[in-house]
Amino acid sequence: MSRYLALVPAAGSGSRFGAPSPKQYLQLDGKPLMWHTLATLAAVPAIERVALVISPGDEWFDSYRWDDIAKLEVHRVGGASRAESVQNGLAALAAADDDWVLVHDAARCCLSVAAVERLIATLGDDAVGGLLALPVADTVKRANAEQRVSATVPRERLWLAQTPQMFRAGRLAEALAKGPVDIITDEASAIEQLGLQPRLVEGEAQNFKVTWPRDLALAKALLATRRG
């Protein structure tokens, strides 16, 4: 029987945020931002383990309390890139080849349990696996070097990738090992390098990645609506 395991790479520095600590540790409702991410994954009944991958030199993790998150395990094996962190995390998980691994961005802290359950229900019998994503709703423009429009890109069949991205542990490890790392932007892109086509499962707009300081206010507002 295949298991469902969550893996959260969080070894990045969050340099674009311009904060004194990595953005995953910024305070959001009295908790580190990624606490909300991890708590949601742990609340999904089908998920057996939630593996957090942090840098070996992480100076912040031990400053906070995490024992209120069930299923959590911490691996200090983060690498220089997302792909390397996921690769090292897979090795630390010691998952069976046919176990499903759901890789999720630490900074997507407004993920809902319902979205994860929809992903699992859709892909549980899929031959490849897939990811949450949103169909592109806006008109897309391609810019030139002067930030002027060089083309309008047809949005038909364009999707914005989200996470979790869910693949069999053995196949994902194989895809990441083949690389090359510099063109692997997410797990789906690694799987694509094997000639496979991941399935797109419609996600939610609220499952955005906190990237800029202004995103924190939106995340706080969204989490507040869940508390009622």
Protein backbone atom coordinates (compact mmCIF):
# COMPACT_ATOMS: atom_id res chain seq x y z
CA MET A 1 0.00 0.00 0.00
CA SER A 2 1.56 3.30 -1.10
CA ARG A 3 1.95 5.99 1.53
CA TYR A 4 1.53 9.75 1.14
CA LEU A 5 4.47 11.78 2.44
CA ALA A 6 4.89 15.56 2.39
CA LEU A 7 8.27 17.18 1.80
CA VAL A 8 8.83 20.91 2.36
CA PRO A 9 12.17 22.35 1.16
CA ALA A 10 12.98 25.39 3.31
CA ALA A 11 16.72 25.91 3.01
CA GLY A 12 16.51 29.18 1.05
CA SER A 13 17.63 32.55 2.32
CA GLY A 14 14.64 34.52 0.99
CA SER A 15 16.99 37.28 -0.18
CA ARG A 16 14.32 39.00 -2.32
CA PHE A 17 12.32 39.71 0.80
CA GLY A 18 15.04 41.91 2.31
CA ALA A 19 14.33 40.72 5.88
CA PRO A 20 16.86 39.92 8.63
CA SER A 21 15.76 36.27 8.61
CA PRO A 22 14.63 33.95 5.80
CA LYS A 23 11.01 34.66 4.90
CA GLN A 24 9.86 31.25 6.14
CA TYR A 25 10.60 32.48 9.67
CA LEU A 26 8.84 35.84 9.42
CA GLN A 27 6.06 36.22 11.97
CA LEU A 28 2.50 35.63 10.83
CA ASP A 29 -0.14 35.69 13.56
CA GLY A 30 2.43 34.94 16.23
CA LYS A 31 3.94 31.97 14.40
CA PRO A 32 6.68 31.59 11.81
CA LEU A 33 5.21 31.79 8.32
CA MET A 34 6.01 28.17 7.51
CA TRP A 35 4.34 26.93 10.71
CA HIS A 36 1.02 27.51 8.93
CA THR A 37 2.27 25.58 5.89
CA LEU A 38 3.38 22.61 7.95
CA ALA A 39 0.24 22.59 10.11
CA THR A 40 -1.99 22.37 7.04
CA LEU A 41 -0.07 19.45 5.56
CA ALA A 42 -0.12 17.66 8.92
CA ALA A 43 -3.90 18.12 9.08
CA VAL A 44 -4.43 16.07 5.91
CA PRO A 45 -5.45 12.60 7.17
CA ALA A 46 -3.88 10.72 4.25
CA ILE A 47 -0.43 12.24 4.81
CA GLU A 48 1.63 10.01 7.08
CA ARG A 49 4.78 12.14 7.52
CA VAL A 50 5.68 15.79 7.00
CA ALA A 51 9.39 16.20 6.30
CA LEU A 52 10.90 19.67 6.59
CA VAL A 53 14.27 20.16 4.88
CA ILE A 54 16.35 23.02 6.26
CA SER A 55 19.94 24.12 5.81
CA PRO A 56 22.60 22.44 7.98
CA GLY A 57 23.57 25.94 9.13
CA ASP A 58 20.01 27.11 9.90
CA GLU A 59 20.18 29.52 12.86
CA TRP A 60 16.46 30.16 13.32
CA PHE A 61 14.57 26.86 13.55
CA ASP A 62 15.43 26.11 17.18
CA SER A 63 14.21 29.55 18.28
CA TYR A 64 10.59 28.54 17.76
CA ARG A 65 8.22 25.87 19.02
CA TRP A 66 7.15 23.16 16.58
CA ASP A 67 5.95 20.34 18.83
CA ASP A 68 2.32 21.27 18.24
CA ILE A 69 2.57 20.05 14.63
CA ALA A 70 1.83 16.35 14.38
CA LYS A 71 3.80 14.12 11.98
CA LEU A 72 6.64 16.66 11.65
CA GLU A 73 10.21 15.50 11.17
CA VAL A 74 13.17 17.79 10.48
CA HIS A 75 16.11 17.03 8.21
CA ARG A 76 19.07 19.41 8.14
CA VAL A 77 20.18 18.38 4.66
CA GLY A 78 19.19 21.40 2.57
CA GLY A 79 21.28 22.15 -0.50
CA ALA A 80 22.26 25.13 -2.61
CA SER A 81 19.19 24.81 -4.84
CA ARG A 82 15.60 23.69 -4.47
CA ALA A 83 16.29 20.61 -6.57
CA GLU A 84 19.22 19.63 -4.37
CA SER A 85 17.19 20.15 -1.19
CA VAL A 86 14.38 17.96 -2.52
CA GLN A 87 16.87 15.33 -3.66
CA ASN A 88 18.53 15.26 -0.23
CA GLY A 89 15.15 15.24 1.48
CA LEU A 90 14.03 12.24 -0.52
CA ALA A 91 17.13 10.36 0.56
CA ALA A 92 16.50 11.27 4.21
CA LEU A 93 12.86 10.14 3.94
CA ALA A 94 13.94 6.66 2.86
CA ALA A 95 10.58 6.26 1.15
CA ALA A 96 9.62 3.23 -0.90
CA ASP A 97 9.80 3.81 -4.65
CA ASP A 98 6.02 3.67 -5.02
CA ASP A 99 5.25 6.03 -2.14
CA TRP A 100 3.71 9.31 -3.18
CA VAL A 101 5.69 12.42 -2.19
CA LEU A 102 3.94 15.80 -2.12
CA VAL A 103 6.54 18.56 -2.41
CA HIS A 104 5.26 21.92 -1.21
CA ASP A 105 6.74 25.42 -1.01
CA ALA A 106 7.26 26.59 2.58
CA ALA A 107 6.11 30.08 1.58
CA ARG A 108 2.70 28.92 0.29
CA CYS A 109 1.26 29.26 3.79
CA CYS A 110 -2.41 29.67 2.76
CA LEU A 111 -2.72 26.19 1.30
CA SER A 112 -6.01 24.51 2.23
CA VAL A 113 -6.58 20.94 3.35
CA ALA A 114 -9.31 20.68 0.71
CA ALA A 115 -6.86 21.48 -2.11
CA VAL A 116 -4.42 18.81 -0.94
CA GLU A 117 -7.19 16.24 -0.64
CA ARG A 118 -8.38 17.09 -4.16
CA LEU A 119 -4.84 16.58 -5.47
CA ILE A 120 -4.54 13.20 -3.74
CA ALA A 121 -7.98 12.05 -4.88
CA THR A 122 -7.26 13.00 -8.49
CA LEU A 123 -3.76 11.55 -8.74
CA GLY A 124 -3.92 8.51 -6.48
CA ASP A 125 -4.24 6.16 -9.47
CA ASP A 126 -2.42 8.31 -12.01
CA ALA A 127 0.48 6.74 -13.90
CA VAL A 128 2.63 9.89 -13.70
CA GLY A 129 1.47 12.24 -10.95
CA GLY A 130 0.95 15.96 -11.18
CA LEU A 131 0.53 19.29 -9.48
CA LEU A 132 -1.88 21.95 -8.38
CA ALA A 133 -2.08 24.79 -10.89
CA LEU A 134 -4.35 27.63 -12.01
CA PRO A 135 -5.49 28.37 -15.56
CA VAL A 136 -4.20 31.76 -16.69
CA ALA A 137 -7.09 34.23 -16.59
CA ASP A 138 -5.33 37.47 -17.53
CA THR A 139 -3.95 38.62 -20.87
CA VAL A 140 -0.25 37.74 -21.02
CA LYS A 141 2.33 40.13 -22.49
CA ARG A 142 5.92 39.34 -23.40
CA ALA A 143 8.32 42.24 -22.76
CA ASN A 144 11.49 43.28 -24.54
CA ALA A 145 14.67 44.55 -22.86
CA GLU A 146 13.15 48.05 -22.52
CA GLN A 147 10.06 46.71 -20.72
CA ARG A 148 7.86 47.37 -23.73
CA VAL A 149 5.39 44.85 -25.08
CA SER A 150 6.93 42.69 -27.76
CA ALA A 151 4.03 40.27 -28.08
CA THR A 152 0.69 39.23 -26.66
CA VAL A 153 0.81 35.55 -25.74
CA PRO A 154 -2.35 33.48 -26.25
CA ARG A 155 -3.43 32.29 -22.81
CA GLU A 156 -5.32 29.24 -24.04
CA ARG A 157 -4.03 26.15 -22.21
CA LEU A 158 -1.58 28.18 -20.12
CA TRP A 159 -1.46 27.35 -16.41
CA LEU A 160 0.39 28.81 -13.42
CA ALA A 161 2.15 26.07 -11.49
CA GLN A 162 1.55 25.78 -7.76
CA THR A 163 2.43 23.21 -5.14
CA PRO A 164 2.10 20.58 -3.79
CA GLN A 165 3.52 18.64 -6.71
CA MET A 166 2.91 14.93 -6.24
CA PHE A 167 5.02 12.15 -7.72
CA ARG A 168 6.21 8.67 -6.84
CA ALA A 169 9.36 8.84 -4.71
CA GLY A 170 11.41 6.56 -6.94
CA ARG A 171 10.55 8.35 -10.16
CA LEU A 172 11.10 11.79 -8.66
CA ALA A 173 14.51 10.75 -7.32
CA GLU A 174 15.41 9.41 -10.77
CA ALA A 175 14.30 12.62 -12.47
CA LEU A 176 16.23 14.87 -10.10
CA ALA A 177 19.37 12.75 -10.43
CA LYS A 178 19.28 13.13 -14.22
CA GLY A 179 19.14 16.92 -14.00
CA PRO A 180 20.62 19.19 -15.12
CA VAL A 181 19.82 21.11 -11.95
CA ASP A 182 19.92 24.56 -13.57
CA ILE A 183 16.85 23.87 -15.71
CA ILE A 184 14.81 22.19 -12.96
CA THR A 185 12.52 24.95 -11.71
CA ASP A 186 10.11 22.60 -9.94
CA GLU A 187 9.49 18.87 -9.55
CA ALA A 188 7.18 18.76 -12.57
CA SER A 189 9.92 20.15 -14.80
CA ALA A 190 12.23 17.35 -13.62
CA ILE A 191 9.58 14.74 -14.45
CA GLU A 192 9.10 16.36 -17.86
CA GLN A 193 12.78 15.72 -18.59
CA LEU A 194 11.93 12.00 -18.48
CA GLY A 195 9.50 12.52 -21.36
CA LEU A 196 6.45 12.28 -19.08
CA GLN A 197 3.46 14.61 -18.82
CA PRO A 198 2.36 15.54 -15.27
CA ARG A 199 -1.35 16.10 -14.78
CA LEU A 200 -2.67 19.55 -13.91
CA VAL A 201 -5.15 19.67 -11.03
CA GLU A 202 -6.95 22.97 -10.50
CA GLY A 203 -5.73 24.70 -7.36
CA GLU A 204 -6.81 27.86 -5.56
CA ALA A 205 -5.85 31.52 -5.92
CA GLN A 206 -5.24 31.70 -2.16
CA ASN A 207 -2.43 29.18 -2.54
CA PHE A 208 0.04 31.89 -3.58
CA LYS A 209 3.71 32.09 -2.65
CA VAL A 210 4.67 34.85 -0.23
CA THR A 211 7.41 36.58 -2.20
CA TRP A 212 7.29 40.29 -1.37
CA PRO A 213 6.64 42.11 1.96
CA ARG A 214 3.18 43.21 0.79
CA ASP A 215 2.19 39.54 0.46
CA LEU A 216 2.31 39.10 4.24
CA ALA A 217 -0.73 41.33 4.77
CA LEU A 218 -2.75 39.32 2.25
CA ALA A 219 -1.70 36.03 3.85
CA LYS A 220 -2.68 37.34 7.28
CA ALA A 221 -6.11 38.39 6.01
CA LEU A 222 -6.73 35.01 4.37
CA LEU A 223 -5.75 33.07 7.47
CA ALA A 224 -8.00 35.30 9.58
CA THR A 225 -11.03 34.38 7.45
CA ARG A 226 -10.43 30.69 8.23
CA ARG A 227 -10.53 31.36 11.94
CA GLY A 228 -13.86 33.12 11.49
